[in-house]
Every structure is written in C-alpha cells, then in structure tokens.
Amino acid sequence: MHASTRYALCTIQTDEGATPAITVAGKVWKLSKVAPQLDLESNGLMNLFADWGASKSFLARLADDLGAGKHGGGIEGADLIYLTPLQYPPKIICAGTNYIDHIEAVGYSSFSKEENIPAMFMKPPRTALVGAGKTVRCPTGSSQFDWEIELGVVIGKTVPAGSSISKDLDMVAGYMTTLDMSARDFQRNPKHFAKSDLFLGKAFDSSCPAGPYFVSAEFIEDPQNLSMQLWRNGKIEQDSSTSKMIWSVFELLEIATKNVTLEPGDLILTGTPAGTGIESGVYANVGDVIEAEIENLGRLKVEIY
C-alpha cells in the first residue's frame, strides 16, 4: 500500500526523553499518542524495521488519518528539538571517493571507475550519530575539521552476505540527510604507517549527524537524482546532485553485501561531492553552523562546539 499522504518519521526531545514521532504537512504527532499499538518504547523507530512492510502499510493509513484531521492538529514542527531519527541502527557503513568532482578537486586528475573500488569504513552508531542543534564536538587536537553532506540509505530487511540484490532497491526502507564529519589531519596523519587512518579520522564522537527526518523510499522517486546543498555560516559550500555519484546506491549495496550481511535499520552513507574543506584548505571551527539539505529529505542544522 502506498500512502496518499506524504509523511516522514523523526525522533524528538520531550520530557519523556527521545520520542518517536510522525510529521505530516509541517505538523508533528507523537507516535505513542496516535499509534500506541506500534510499541516503540524500547528501541524507538528501530522497532518498525522488524517488519518494515507491515509498518509501512500501517503508517500509510495513519498518515491519511492525520492529513484528514482525525487526531487533532499536531505540534508545530519548527518548535521542536530533533534528535537523530534512528536510535540506533546496528551498523553505519560509509563509502568514500564516490563523486568524481570531489576526487578531482582533491588533486586526482585521472580516475577510472573500472580500475578502482570505493573506500568503505564504519562509524559506531551509538556514539557517532547525533541530531540537530549544538551537537557536533570538534575533535580534540584537530585543526582540519571538515564537512561532507551525504545521502543516507536505510536498510529495510536482512540481506545475507553473498545474496543477490534487486536493482529496484526493494531492500531499502528509506533515506535521510546525513553528514560525514572528518578530521582530515587525523585521517591523513603523516606519522601513520599507511598514511591513512579512517578510524581516528572518521569514527570519533558526533561524527555522523543525521536527520531531521527519515523518509520512506516510496516518496523518493529516484535516489540518483536528488539535489544536495551544504552551507557553512550561511555561505554555500557544496551544491551538487546525487546524479554525480560514481557508484550508485545499488552498486554500493552490491559491493557491501558480497561479504557483509545488511540488517534492518542499517545506515549506509554514500559519499560526498565537491566543496569540502580539504579542497580549499579552509576548515570548520568551533561555533560554525553547518546546514545540509537533500531534496525531499529536509534540512539538517548543527553547530560545532
């Protein structure tokens, strides 16, 4: 069943703590009030992925009811504090070197997709994921703190390692706006034997802002054709499209699932386009405000402290 009323899911901060919610037409309702039968108290929105097909059908009907005014007027979305939507996925898998303009801008003039594979790494969900607000801590000792807007892909069902996956992306539950915050001086520390350290450079606390919404895949017609922009202190730094990915969402999932089982709720980051600090040598500072927006997924606004 496809919803006739567009909705998105989020997790908001309330007196009760992290509270799963649904938003329709700019208004927000606590799911515990309008859909207590979902039983989201233990793991929040993550519980929906136990059977995403059934959850999606239920949410479609609920969104239609909310749009028709059957549960009252809701809360104004602009008045809320948004946490990271998923509390917390089993894995965050990240792909690097996936936009040709970004690769060229950091100094590689020739690149062959056929002769390369994407760099892939992981972030720890419980410590890396944060939501909007003054949430991003500048890593101690880093002077090259960088921003990267990325399309986040949420897995909706188990895909065992070695499985074939469908090009219609039926394993994808939905999408989010995400940021891959990077300490470039840690990532490319010359003292490191391999001259590369994706753990210290990428996996530090609050390195993965996400949200403010999780949007079901049925509302995203083509994940390979979404505009994406990032602003730092009001100045646009990144202005691109997911159409410029080297490896598509399908191809990234195909590569990952060769030897890694994808689980419901897993979050996959898909790389960033040109416009990052490593290209210009100008990096983020404490007090900077980063705003990232991907078409139809909402704008994520964080402040560095």
C-alpha atoms as a PDB file:
ATOM      1  CA  MET A   1       0.000   0.000   0.000  1.00  0.00           C
ATOM      2  CA  HIS A   2       1.290   3.436  -0.922  1.00  0.00           C
ATOM      3  CA  ALA A   3       0.406   6.411   1.230  1.00  0.00           C
ATOM      4  CA  SER A   4      -1.686   9.064  -0.454  1.00  0.00           C
ATOM      5  CA  THR A   5      -0.492  11.485   2.227  1.00  0.00           C
ATOM      6  CA  ARG A   6       3.206  12.252   2.382  1.00  0.00           C
ATOM      7  CA  TYR A   7       4.763  11.751   5.802  1.00  0.00           C
ATOM      8  CA  ALA A   8       8.170  11.491   7.432  1.00  0.00           C
ATOM      9  CA  LEU A   9       9.373   9.993  10.697  1.00  0.00           C
ATOM     10  CA  CYS A  10      11.540  11.639  13.331  1.00  0.00           C
ATOM     11  CA  THR A  11      12.662  11.396  16.933  1.00  0.00           C
ATOM     12  CA  ILE A  12      12.079  14.476  19.053  1.00  0.00           C
ATOM     13  CA  GLN A  13      13.260  15.523  22.503  1.00  0.00           C
ATOM     14  CA  THR A  14      10.410  15.706  25.039  1.00  0.00           C
ATOM     15  CA  ASP A  15      10.064  15.496  28.808  1.00  0.00           C
ATOM     16  CA  GLU A  16       9.883  11.731  28.341  1.00  0.00           C
ATOM     17  CA  GLY A  17      13.219  11.679  26.507  1.00  0.00           C
ATOM     18  CA  ALA A  18      13.761  10.514  22.914  1.00  0.00           C
ATOM     19  CA  THR A  19      10.246  10.285  21.466  1.00  0.00           C
ATOM     20  CA  PRO A  20       9.384   8.718  18.074  1.00  0.00           C
ATOM     21  CA  ALA A  21       7.068  10.915  16.021  1.00  0.00           C
ATOM     22  CA  ILE A  22       5.464  11.316  12.613  1.00  0.00           C
ATOM     23  CA  THR A  23       5.207  14.539  10.646  1.00  0.00           C
ATOM     24  CA  VAL A  24       2.613  15.488   8.037  1.00  0.00           C
ATOM     25  CA  ALA A  25       2.373  18.908   6.375  1.00  0.00           C
ATOM     26  CA  GLY A  26       4.703  20.568   8.884  1.00  0.00           C
ATOM     27  CA  LYS A  27       2.894  19.252  11.981  1.00  0.00           C
ATOM     28  CA  VAL A  28       4.239  16.551  14.288  1.00  0.00           C
ATOM     29  CA  TRP A  29       2.463  13.907  16.363  1.00  0.00           C
ATOM     30  CA  LYS A  30       3.983  11.622  18.995  1.00  0.00           C
ATOM     31  CA  LEU A  31       3.544   8.063  17.779  1.00  0.00           C
ATOM     32  CA  SER A  32       2.866   6.936  21.345  1.00  0.00           C
ATOM     33  CA  LYS A  33      -0.299   9.078  21.256  1.00  0.00           C
ATOM     34  CA  VAL A  34      -1.625   8.383  17.760  1.00  0.00           C
ATOM     35  CA  ALA A  35      -0.337   4.811  17.324  1.00  0.00           C
ATOM     36  CA  PRO A  36       0.334   3.192  20.725  1.00  0.00           C
ATOM     37  CA  GLN A  37      -0.077  -0.249  19.156  1.00  0.00           C
ATOM     38  CA  LEU A  38       3.301   0.185  17.461  1.00  0.00           C
ATOM     39  CA  ASP A  39       5.012  -0.254  20.853  1.00  0.00           C
ATOM     40  CA  LEU A  40       8.103   1.853  20.191  1.00  0.00           C
ATOM     41  CA  GLU A  41       9.138   2.451  23.803  1.00  0.00           C
ATOM     42  CA  SER A  42      12.110   0.087  23.843  1.00  0.00           C
ATOM     43  CA  ASN A  43      14.015   0.941  20.642  1.00  0.00           C
ATOM     44  CA  GLY A  44      12.086   3.823  19.112  1.00  0.00           C
ATOM     45  CA  LEU A  45      11.724   3.851  15.337  1.00  0.00           C
ATOM     46  CA  MET A  46      14.108   0.892  15.073  1.00  0.00           C
ATOM     47  CA  ASN A  47      11.218  -1.369  16.118  1.00  0.00           C
ATOM     48  CA  LEU A  48       9.480  -0.560  12.830  1.00  0.00           C
ATOM     49  CA  PHE A  49      12.140  -2.485  10.907  1.00  0.00           C
ATOM     50  CA  ALA A  50      11.240  -5.820  12.485  1.00  0.00           C
ATOM     51  CA  ASP A  51       8.623  -5.925   9.695  1.00  0.00           C
ATOM     52  CA  TRP A  52       9.051  -2.827   7.565  1.00  0.00           C
ATOM     53  CA  GLY A  53       6.415  -3.912   5.045  1.00  0.00           C
ATOM     54  CA  ALA A  54       3.717  -4.110   7.699  1.00  0.00           C
ATOM     55  CA  SER A  55       4.943  -0.928   9.379  1.00  0.00           C
ATOM     56  CA  LYS A  56       4.847   0.969   6.096  1.00  0.00           C
ATOM     57  CA  SER A  57       1.258  -0.095   5.394  1.00  0.00           C
ATOM     58  CA  PHE A  58       0.190   0.966   8.887  1.00  0.00           C
ATOM     59  CA  LEU A  59       1.980   4.319   8.614  1.00  0.00           C
ATOM     60  CA  ALA A  60       0.340   4.994   5.245  1.00  0.00           C
ATOM     61  CA  ARG A  61      -3.107   4.632   6.798  1.00  0.00           C
ATOM     62  CA  LEU A  62      -2.067   6.701   9.802  1.00  0.00           C
ATOM     63  CA  ALA A  63      -0.725   9.500   7.600  1.00  0.00           C
ATOM     64  CA  ASP A  64      -4.015   9.608   5.694  1.00  0.00           C
ATOM     65  CA  ASP A  65      -5.893   9.891   9.012  1.00  0.00           C
ATOM     66  CA  LEU A  66      -3.592  12.648  10.247  1.00  0.00           C
ATOM     67  CA  GLY A  67      -3.973  14.536   6.995  1.00  0.00           C
ATOM     68  CA  ALA A  68      -7.747  14.290   7.406  1.00  0.00           C
ATOM     69  CA  GLY A  69      -7.565  15.745  10.916  1.00  0.00           C
ATOM     70  CA  LYS A  70      -8.627  12.584  12.772  1.00  0.00           C
ATOM     71  CA  HIS A  71      -6.034  13.012  15.543  1.00  0.00           C
ATOM     72  CA  GLY A  72      -6.136  16.744  16.108  1.00  0.00           C
ATOM     73  CA  GLY A  73      -3.824  19.433  14.870  1.00  0.00           C
ATOM     74  CA  GLY A  74      -0.421  18.177  15.981  1.00  0.00           C
ATOM     75  CA  ILE A  75       2.570  20.228  17.145  1.00  0.00           C
ATOM     76  CA  GLU A  76       4.312  22.847  15.031  1.00  0.00           C
ATOM     77  CA  GLY A  77       7.434  21.155  13.720  1.00  0.00           C
ATOM     78  CA  ALA A  78       9.564  24.303  13.884  1.00  0.00           C
ATOM     79  CA  ASP A  79       9.171  24.420  17.667  1.00  0.00           C
ATOM     80  CA  LEU A  80      10.787  21.036  18.340  1.00  0.00           C
ATOM     81  CA  ILE A  81      14.246  19.652  19.102  1.00  0.00           C
ATOM     82  CA  TYR A  82      15.103  16.877  16.634  1.00  0.00           C
ATOM     83  CA  LEU A  83      17.360  14.014  17.644  1.00  0.00           C
ATOM     84  CA  THR A  84      18.878  11.570  15.201  1.00  0.00           C
ATOM     85  CA  PRO A  85      15.854   9.649  13.849  1.00  0.00           C
ATOM     86  CA  LEU A  86      17.134   6.100  14.416  1.00  0.00           C
ATOM     87  CA  GLN A  87      18.141   5.207  17.982  1.00  0.00           C
ATOM     88  CA  TYR A  88      20.260   3.216  16.955  1.00  0.00           C
ATOM     89  CA  PRO A  89      20.952   1.174  13.811  1.00  0.00           C
ATOM     90  CA  PRO A  90      23.129  -1.956  14.015  1.00  0.00           C
ATOM     91  CA  LYS A  91      25.756  -0.513  11.655  1.00  0.00           C
ATOM     92  CA  ILE A  92      26.790   2.669   9.904  1.00  0.00           C
ATOM     93  CA  ILE A  93      28.646   1.795   6.700  1.00  0.00           C
ATOM     94  CA  CYS A  94      30.236   4.687   4.824  1.00  0.00           C
ATOM     95  CA  ALA A  95      31.506   4.938   1.267  1.00  0.00           C
ATOM     96  CA  GLY A  96      34.232   7.369   0.261  1.00  0.00           C
ATOM     97  CA  THR A  97      35.658   8.510  -3.081  1.00  0.00           C
ATOM     98  CA  ASN A  98      32.237   8.350  -4.707  1.00  0.00           C
ATOM     99  CA  TYR A  99      31.826  11.695  -6.502  1.00  0.00           C
ATOM    100  CA  ILE A 100      34.125  12.430  -9.417  1.00  0.00           C
ATOM    101  CA  ASP A 101      34.107  16.202  -8.834  1.00  0.00           C
ATOM    102  CA  HIS A 102      35.290  15.659  -5.253  1.00  0.00           C
ATOM    103  CA  ILE A 103      38.055  13.296  -6.359  1.00  0.00           C
ATOM    104  CA  GLU A 104      39.282  15.760  -8.983  1.00  0.00           C
ATOM    105  CA  ALA A 105      39.089  18.685  -6.559  1.00  0.00           C
ATOM    106  CA  VAL A 106      41.403  16.978  -4.050  1.00  0.00           C
ATOM    107  CA  GLY A 107      44.053  16.534  -6.727  1.00  0.00           C
ATOM    108  CA  TYR A 108      43.406  13.369  -8.706  1.00  0.00           C
ATOM    109  CA  SER A 109      43.196  14.408 -12.354  1.00  0.00           C
ATOM    110  CA  SER A 110      42.550  10.951 -13.777  1.00  0.00           C
ATOM    111  CA  PHE A 111      40.202   8.378 -12.280  1.00  0.00           C
ATOM    112  CA  SER A 112      38.862   5.133 -13.709  1.00  0.00           C
ATOM    113  CA  LYS A 113      35.800   3.507 -12.163  1.00  0.00           C
ATOM    114  CA  GLU A 114      36.808   0.207 -13.732  1.00  0.00           C
ATOM    115  CA  GLU A 115      40.229   0.261 -12.058  1.00  0.00           C
ATOM    116  CA  ASN A 116      39.072   1.318  -8.586  1.00  0.00           C
ATOM    117  CA  ILE A 117      36.670   0.412  -5.808  1.00  0.00           C
ATOM    118  CA  PRO A 118      35.039   2.775  -3.292  1.00  0.00           C
ATOM    119  CA  ALA A 119      36.751   3.219   0.056  1.00  0.00           C
ATOM    120  CA  MET A 120      34.416   1.826   2.729  1.00  0.00           C
ATOM    121  CA  PHE A 121      34.554   2.164   6.502  1.00  0.00           C
ATOM    122  CA  MET A 122      32.285   2.174   9.548  1.00  0.00           C
ATOM    123  CA  LYS A 123      31.220   4.531  12.296  1.00  0.00           C
ATOM    124  CA  PRO A 124      29.952   3.444  15.747  1.00  0.00           C
ATOM    125  CA  PRO A 125      26.192   4.156  15.822  1.00  0.00           C
ATOM    126  CA  ARG A 126      25.679   4.976  19.492  1.00  0.00           C
ATOM    127  CA  THR A 127      28.494   7.494  19.766  1.00  0.00           C
ATOM    128  CA  ALA A 128      28.729   8.871  16.227  1.00  0.00           C
ATOM    129  CA  LEU A 129      25.051   9.585  15.493  1.00  0.00           C
ATOM    130  CA  VAL A 130      23.630  12.921  16.639  1.00  0.00           C
ATOM    131  CA  GLY A 131      20.711  15.092  15.616  1.00  0.00           C
ATOM    132  CA  ALA A 132      20.224  18.783  15.017  1.00  0.00           C
ATOM    133  CA  GLY A 133      21.427  21.576  17.296  1.00  0.00           C
ATOM    134  CA  LYS A 134      24.668  22.254  19.156  1.00  0.00           C
ATOM    135  CA  THR A 135      25.615  18.608  18.829  1.00  0.00           C
ATOM    136  CA  VAL A 136      28.900  18.280  16.941  1.00  0.00           C
ATOM    137  CA  ARG A 137      32.068  18.289  19.025  1.00  0.00           C
ATOM    138  CA  CYS A 138      35.278  19.339  17.289  1.00  0.00           C
ATOM    139  CA  PRO A 139      37.774  16.512  17.886  1.00  0.00           C
ATOM    140  CA  THR A 140      40.459  17.417  20.400  1.00  0.00           C
ATOM    141  CA  GLY A 141      43.692  18.315  18.635  1.00  0.00           C
ATOM    142  CA  SER A 142      42.246  18.579  15.132  1.00  0.00           C
ATOM    143  CA  SER A 143      42.789  21.735  13.085  1.00  0.00           C
ATOM    144  CA  GLN A 144      41.345  20.322   9.854  1.00  0.00           C
ATOM    145  CA  PHE A 145      37.727  19.602  10.765  1.00  0.00           C
ATOM    146  CA  ASP A 146      35.761  19.033   7.571  1.00  0.00           C
ATOM    147  CA  TRP A 147      32.145  18.716   6.432  1.00  0.00           C
ATOM    148  CA  GLU A 148      30.635  16.248   3.966  1.00  0.00           C
ATOM    149  CA  ILE A 149      26.952  16.137   3.000  1.00  0.00           C
ATOM    150  CA  GLU A 150      25.861  12.595   2.118  1.00  0.00           C
ATOM    151  CA  LEU A 151      22.712  10.726   1.162  1.00  0.00           C
ATOM    152  CA  GLY A 152      21.936   8.241   3.925  1.00  0.00           C
ATOM    153  CA  VAL A 153      20.264   4.967   2.909  1.00  0.00           C
ATOM    154  CA  VAL A 154      18.343   2.912   5.488  1.00  0.00           C
ATOM    155  CA  ILE A 155      18.027  -0.849   5.002  1.00  0.00           C
ATOM    156  CA  GLY A 156      14.560  -2.349   5.499  1.00  0.00           C
ATOM    157  CA  LYS A 157      15.199  -6.092   5.585  1.00  0.00           C
ATOM    158  CA  THR A 158      18.001  -8.574   6.169  1.00  0.00           C
ATOM    159  CA  VAL A 159      20.256  -9.113   3.168  1.00  0.00           C
ATOM    160  CA  PRO A 160      22.615 -12.025   3.920  1.00  0.00           C
ATOM    161  CA  ALA A 161      26.210 -11.787   2.734  1.00  0.00           C
ATOM    162  CA  GLY A 162      26.570 -13.199  -0.748  1.00  0.00           C
ATOM    163  CA  SER A 163      22.947 -12.520  -1.700  1.00  0.00           C
ATOM    164  CA  SER A 164      21.895 -11.055  -4.998  1.00  0.00           C
ATOM    165  CA  ILE A 165      20.129  -7.738  -4.602  1.00  0.00           C
ATOM    166  CA  SER A 166      17.439  -6.246  -6.766  1.00  0.00           C
ATOM    167  CA  LYS A 167      18.019  -3.173  -8.879  1.00  0.00           C
ATOM    168  CA  ASP A 168      14.637  -1.862  -7.753  1.00  0.00           C
ATOM    169  CA  LEU A 169      16.211  -1.464  -4.285  1.00  0.00           C
ATOM    170  CA  ASP A 170      13.436  -3.376  -2.542  1.00  0.00           C
ATOM    171  CA  MET A 171      15.759  -3.827   0.447  1.00  0.00           C
ATOM    172  CA  VAL A 172      15.848  -0.066   1.071  1.00  0.00           C
ATOM    173  CA  ALA A 173      13.368   1.286   3.615  1.00  0.00           C
ATOM    174  CA  GLY A 174      14.140   4.954   3.102  1.00  0.00           C
ATOM    175  CA  TYR A 175      16.563   7.846   3.147  1.00  0.00           C
ATOM    176  CA  MET A 176      17.970  10.605   5.359  1.00  0.00           C
ATOM    177  CA  THR A 177      20.178  13.655   5.088  1.00  0.00           C
ATOM    178  CA  THR A 178      23.476  12.869   6.792  1.00  0.00           C
ATOM    179  CA  LEU A 179      26.882  14.425   7.425  1.00  0.00           C
ATOM    180  CA  ASP A 180      30.204  12.626   7.485  1.00  0.00           C
ATOM    181  CA  MET A 181      32.310  14.905   9.683  1.00  0.00           C
ATOM    182  CA  SER A 182      36.023  14.281   9.158  1.00  0.00           C
ATOM    183  CA  ALA A 183      39.233  15.189  10.967  1.00  0.00           C
ATOM    184  CA  ARG A 184      41.464  15.361   7.895  1.00  0.00           C
ATOM    185  CA  ASP A 185      44.687  15.774   9.866  1.00  0.00           C
ATOM    186  CA  PHE A 186      43.889  12.550  11.743  1.00  0.00           C
ATOM    187  CA  GLN A 187      42.711  10.791   8.581  1.00  0.00           C
ATOM    188  CA  ARG A 188      45.910  11.636   6.688  1.00  0.00           C
ATOM    189  CA  ASN A 189      48.380  11.729   9.552  1.00  0.00           C
ATOM    190  CA  PRO A 190      51.913  11.515   8.051  1.00  0.00           C
ATOM    191  CA  LYS A 191      53.065   9.632  11.167  1.00  0.00           C
ATOM    192  CA  HIS A 192      50.689   6.793  10.345  1.00  0.00           C
ATOM    193  CA  PHE A 193      52.481   3.892   8.659  1.00  0.00           C
ATOM    194  CA  ALA A 194      49.875   3.693   5.858  1.00  0.00           C
ATOM    195  CA  LYS A 195      49.416   7.494   5.820  1.00  0.00           C
ATOM    196  CA  SER A 196      45.678   6.855   6.283  1.00  0.00           C
ATOM    197  CA  ASP A 197      43.576   6.333   9.411  1.00  0.00           C
ATOM    198  CA  LEU A 198      39.833   6.186   8.778  1.00  0.00           C
ATOM    199  CA  PHE A 199      39.124   5.239  12.384  1.00  0.00           C
ATOM    200  CA  LEU A 200      40.590   8.308  14.093  1.00  0.00           C
ATOM    201  CA  GLY A 201      39.687  10.494  11.116  1.00  0.00           C
ATOM    202  CA  LYS A 202      36.067   9.434  10.803  1.00  0.00           C
ATOM    203  CA  ALA A 203      34.724   7.454  13.772  1.00  0.00           C
ATOM    204  CA  PHE A 204      35.016   9.983  16.610  1.00  0.00           C
ATOM    205  CA  ASP A 205      32.045  11.018  18.751  1.00  0.00           C
ATOM    206  CA  SER A 206      29.308  13.052  16.978  1.00  0.00           C
ATOM    207  CA  SER A 207      30.906  12.435  13.581  1.00  0.00           C
ATOM    208  CA  CYS A 208      27.610  11.444  11.953  1.00  0.00           C
ATOM    209  CA  PRO A 209      24.777  13.979  12.273  1.00  0.00           C
ATOM    210  CA  ALA A 210      21.593  12.644  10.660  1.00  0.00           C
ATOM    211  CA  GLY A 211      18.031  13.801  10.126  1.00  0.00           C
ATOM    212  CA  PRO A 212      15.932  15.594  10.956  1.00  0.00           C
ATOM    213  CA  TYR A 213      13.682  13.077   9.182  1.00  0.00           C
ATOM    214  CA  PHE A 214      13.613   9.517   7.947  1.00  0.00           C
ATOM    215  CA  VAL A 215      11.662   9.447   4.671  1.00  0.00           C
ATOM    216  CA  SER A 216      10.193   6.225   3.330  1.00  0.00           C
ATOM    217  CA  ALA A 217      11.570   5.128  -0.047  1.00  0.00           C
ATOM    218  CA  GLU A 218       8.111   5.312  -1.622  1.00  0.00           C
ATOM    219  CA  PHE A 219       8.366   9.112  -1.502  1.00  0.00           C
ATOM    220  CA  ILE A 220      11.755   9.254  -3.253  1.00  0.00           C
ATOM    221  CA  GLU A 221      11.201   8.577  -6.936  1.00  0.00           C
ATOM    222  CA  ASP A 222      14.891   8.343  -7.843  1.00  0.00           C
ATOM    223  CA  PRO A 223      17.685   8.397  -5.228  1.00  0.00           C
ATOM    224  CA  GLN A 224      20.136   9.085  -8.064  1.00  0.00           C
ATOM    225  CA  ASN A 225      18.543  12.420  -8.918  1.00  0.00           C
ATOM    226  CA  LEU A 226      18.349  14.462  -5.715  1.00  0.00           C
ATOM    227  CA  SER A 227      19.784  17.946  -5.331  1.00  0.00           C
ATOM    228  CA  MET A 228      22.040  18.455  -2.304  1.00  0.00           C
ATOM    229  CA  GLN A 229      23.401  21.626  -0.700  1.00  0.00           C
ATOM    230  CA  LEU A 230      25.528  22.455   2.324  1.00  0.00           C
ATOM    231  CA  TRP A 231      26.047  25.867   3.912  1.00  0.00           C
ATOM    232  CA  ARG A 232      28.661  26.896   6.489  1.00  0.00           C
ATOM    233  CA  ASN A 233      27.691  30.048   8.389  1.00  0.00           C
ATOM    234  CA  GLY A 234      25.220  30.892   5.634  1.00  0.00           C
ATOM    235  CA  LYS A 235      27.698  30.519   2.767  1.00  0.00           C
ATOM    236  CA  ILE A 236      27.039  27.683   0.356  1.00  0.00           C
ATOM    237  CA  GLU A 237      29.978  25.277   0.188  1.00  0.00           C
ATOM    238  CA  GLN A 238      28.523  22.228  -1.556  1.00  0.00           C
ATOM    239  CA  ASP A 239      25.924  22.389  -4.326  1.00  0.00           C
ATOM    240  CA  SER A 240      25.509  19.200  -6.291  1.00  0.00           C
ATOM    241  CA  SER A 241      23.303  16.206  -7.026  1.00  0.00           C
ATOM    242  CA  THR A 242      23.276  12.510  -6.235  1.00  0.00           C
ATOM    243  CA  SER A 243      23.328  12.016 -10.016  1.00  0.00           C
ATOM    244  CA  LYS A 244      27.090  12.642  -9.791  1.00  0.00           C
ATOM    245  CA  MET A 245      27.813   9.510  -7.770  1.00  0.00           C
ATOM    246  CA  ILE A 246      30.418   7.247  -9.323  1.00  0.00           C
ATOM    247  CA  TRP A 247      28.925   4.107  -7.796  1.00  0.00           C
ATOM    248  CA  SER A 248      25.126   4.245  -7.483  1.00  0.00           C
ATOM    249  CA  VAL A 249      23.212   3.254  -4.358  1.00  0.00           C
ATOM    250  CA  PHE A 250      22.568  -0.127  -5.967  1.00  0.00           C
ATOM    251  CA  GLU A 251      26.245  -0.628  -6.788  1.00  0.00           C
ATOM    252  CA  LEU A 252      27.373   0.335  -3.281  1.00  0.00           C
ATOM    253  CA  LEU A 253      24.925  -2.118  -1.727  1.00  0.00           C
ATOM    254  CA  GLU A 254      26.013  -4.797  -4.183  1.00  0.00           C
ATOM    255  CA  ILE A 255      29.652  -4.287  -3.188  1.00  0.00           C
ATOM    256  CA  ALA A 256      28.899  -4.241   0.551  1.00  0.00           C
ATOM    257  CA  THR A 257      26.738  -7.375   0.517  1.00  0.00           C
ATOM    258  CA  LYS A 258      29.377  -9.551  -1.107  1.00  0.00           C
ATOM    259  CA  ASN A 259      30.761 -10.296   2.354  1.00  0.00           C
ATOM    260  CA  VAL A 260      28.702  -8.248   4.836  1.00  0.00           C
ATOM    261  CA  THR A 261      25.160  -9.023   5.973  1.00  0.00           C
ATOM    262  CA  LEU A 262      22.954  -5.941   5.920  1.00  0.00           C
ATOM    263  CA  GLU A 263      20.424  -5.785   8.739  1.00  0.00           C
ATOM    264  CA  PRO A 264      17.134  -3.894   9.118  1.00  0.00           C
ATOM    265  CA  GLY A 265      17.873  -0.308  10.113  1.00  0.00           C
ATOM    266  CA  ASP A 266      21.490  -0.297   8.928  1.00  0.00           C
ATOM    267  CA  LEU A 267      22.514   3.153   7.692  1.00  0.00           C
ATOM    268  CA  ILE A 268      24.656   3.463   4.562  1.00  0.00           C
ATOM    269  CA  LEU A 269      26.388   6.775   3.752  1.00  0.00           C
ATOM    270  CA  THR A 270      27.104   7.167   0.048  1.00  0.00           C
ATOM    271  CA  GLY A 271      29.904   9.715  -0.332  1.00  0.00           C
ATOM    272  CA  THR A 272      30.142  13.463  -0.821  1.00  0.00           C
ATOM    273  CA  PRO A 273      30.510  15.835  -3.782  1.00  0.00           C
ATOM    274  CA  ALA A 274      32.975  18.686  -4.258  1.00  0.00           C
ATOM    275  CA  GLY A 275      33.026  21.656  -1.904  1.00  0.00           C
ATOM    276  CA  THR A 276      34.652  20.260   1.214  1.00  0.00           C
ATOM    277  CA  GLY A 277      37.374  21.911   3.261  1.00  0.00           C
ATOM    278  CA  ILE A 278      40.133  19.575   2.143  1.00  0.00           C
ATOM    279  CA  GLU A 279      39.841  21.049  -1.354  1.00  0.00           C
ATOM    280  CA  SER A 280      40.283  24.695  -0.337  1.00  0.00           C
ATOM    281  CA  GLY A 281      42.309  24.283   2.847  1.00  0.00           C
ATOM    282  CA  VAL A 282      39.619  26.209   4.780  1.00  0.00           C
ATOM    283  CA  TYR A 283      38.125  24.134   7.579  1.00  0.00           C
ATOM    284  CA  ALA A 284      35.333  24.346  10.127  1.00  0.00           C
ATOM    285  CA  ASN A 285      35.798  25.985  13.518  1.00  0.00           C
ATOM    286  CA  VAL A 286      34.098  25.876  16.897  1.00  0.00           C
ATOM    287  CA  GLY A 287      30.950  28.000  16.679  1.00  0.00           C
ATOM    288  CA  ASP A 288      30.357  27.308  12.976  1.00  0.00           C
ATOM    289  CA  VAL A 289      26.849  26.400  11.887  1.00  0.00           C
ATOM    290  CA  ILE A 290      26.555  23.718   9.233  1.00  0.00           C
ATOM    291  CA  GLU A 291      23.284  23.274   7.335  1.00  0.00           C
ATOM    292  CA  ALA A 292      22.796  20.352   4.965  1.00  0.00           C
ATOM    293  CA  GLU A 293      19.757  19.720   2.787  1.00  0.00           C
ATOM    294  CA  ILE A 294      18.917  16.959   0.341  1.00  0.00           C
ATOM    295  CA  GLU A 295      15.864  17.294  -1.877  1.00  0.00           C
ATOM    296  CA  ASN A 296      12.691  15.951  -0.188  1.00  0.00           C
ATOM    297  CA  LEU A 297      14.619  14.845   2.928  1.00  0.00           C
ATOM    298  CA  GLY A 298      14.707  18.041   4.966  1.00  0.00           C
ATOM    299  CA  ARG A 299      17.415  20.366   6.219  1.00  0.00           C
ATOM    300  CA  LEU A 300      19.789  19.302   8.986  1.00  0.00           C
ATOM    301  CA  LYS A 301      21.295  22.161  11.013  1.00  0.00           C
ATOM    302  CA  VAL A 302      24.102  21.589  13.516  1.00  0.00           C
ATOM    303  CA  GLU A 303      26.521  23.779  15.436  1.00  0.00           C
ATOM    304  CA  ILE A 304      30.120  22.838  16.231  1.00  0.00           C
ATOM    305  CA  TYR A 305      31.271  23.190  19.835  1.00  0.00           C
END
